[in-house]
Amino acid sequence: MKILYLMHCNWNSIKQRPQFLSENLNSKKNEVHASYKWSLKKYNYSKNSTFIKLLPGFFSPFFLLSFKLFFILDTLFWKYFFGFLDRFYNYRFVIVTHPLLYRYTTKMKSKIIYDCCDDNELFYKKSKLKNLIRTENLKFLSNSDLNMFSSENLLNKYKKNGEKSLLIRNAHSLNLTSQHYLKKKKKSSSSKFNIYYFGSVSSWFDTNLLKIILKEISSVKFTIIGPVDTVKIKHDRVDYIGSIEHNKLLNFSSKADAFIMPFVVNDLIKSVDPIKLYEYLAFSVPVISIYYPEIKQFKEYVNFYSNKKEAIKLVKNIIAKKTINNNVLKKRYKFLKKNTWKYRSNQIINALQKL
């Protein structure tokens, strides 16, 4: 069967859920095409080579959709375009990642699936756009043939708005054998304890925590990999690397002494099942993270903190121990084996076949 994955992110941006799922859904039995929002923005650019058919689209910047005339013209053009595409390729399913793209599918005969992977309206402050996203989100939830949610928080919040709901968590795509996984990290020439972070750095990134750790613990340095759209920390023990192709990330990060996920927990973050936590577990070093209920499944494998004081204490204890318990590594490995993107794609295929 043929599937169109209609996504609101640029294919060549930091690799996220839509790219992972669209590639893993593709198989001998299923042909997947990905239509994505092409963008001129380069701050999060990362070349993502792929084997699936890509269909870039010059979709309207979301901020322009607050203007009624622009919204109408944009809707008319793209819904007829995708209606033509649907007839040409004869898609059986269309998976859509954002409520503002649902308008584009109303002339399609395919079954429409909503992959709800963020609480999208919470990216915006009170505005016409925020209200528009809220309205389109509820419309999409009630009209789709299936709603998939990436977190329990999203599922519990929105499942009442649609008849069919399914929890499809995030995962990892790292091809690890047991032997490779249990290898110790490469020795670094640096005398500093190097804590890595990879992913986007934005308003939810707890910059103040890193500053406090740098002040309290002189042996710590941070390496931050990924696009940054907030103020950078100016410090000689902080290195900003920028975006790296995902297939090179594993090797590049192998010198880390630990990994950290320093999020500021707000209503948006409460619904996030972070891909980075799955990927951090692929390294035989400690992982430090803020705690919130959505990520309780990681409690056996991750060192959680609830405030800055606990975070500092955790870092000091990890530096003192230097090694990680081998039983923890084995538990991580079993967890990772059950939480791959291929496993998630099989869950989706099983659900689609029942529609």
Foldseek 3Di string as FASTA:
>chain_A
DEEEEEEAADPQFFDDDSVLLQQLLDDPVYAYEYEYADDPDDLRGHDDDGDHHYHYDPQDDLVVCLDPVVVVVSLVVQLVVVLVVCVVVVHQEYEYEALSCVSNPPNHPHAYEYEDEFPPLVVDDDDSSSVVRVVSVLVCQDPGPEYEYQFPVVCVVCVVSYDHYYYQHAAAADDDDPVRLPDAFDEDPDQAQEEEEEDEADPFAPPVLVVVLVVVPVRYAYEYEGGYDDDDDDDPRYHYDYHYHPVCVVVVCRNHQEYEDRTRDDPGCLRHPDHVVNVRLSHQHAYEYEDDVRPVVCVLQHHYDPDSVSRSVVVVVRVVVSGDDPVSNVVSVVVNVCGHSSNSSVVVVVVVVVD
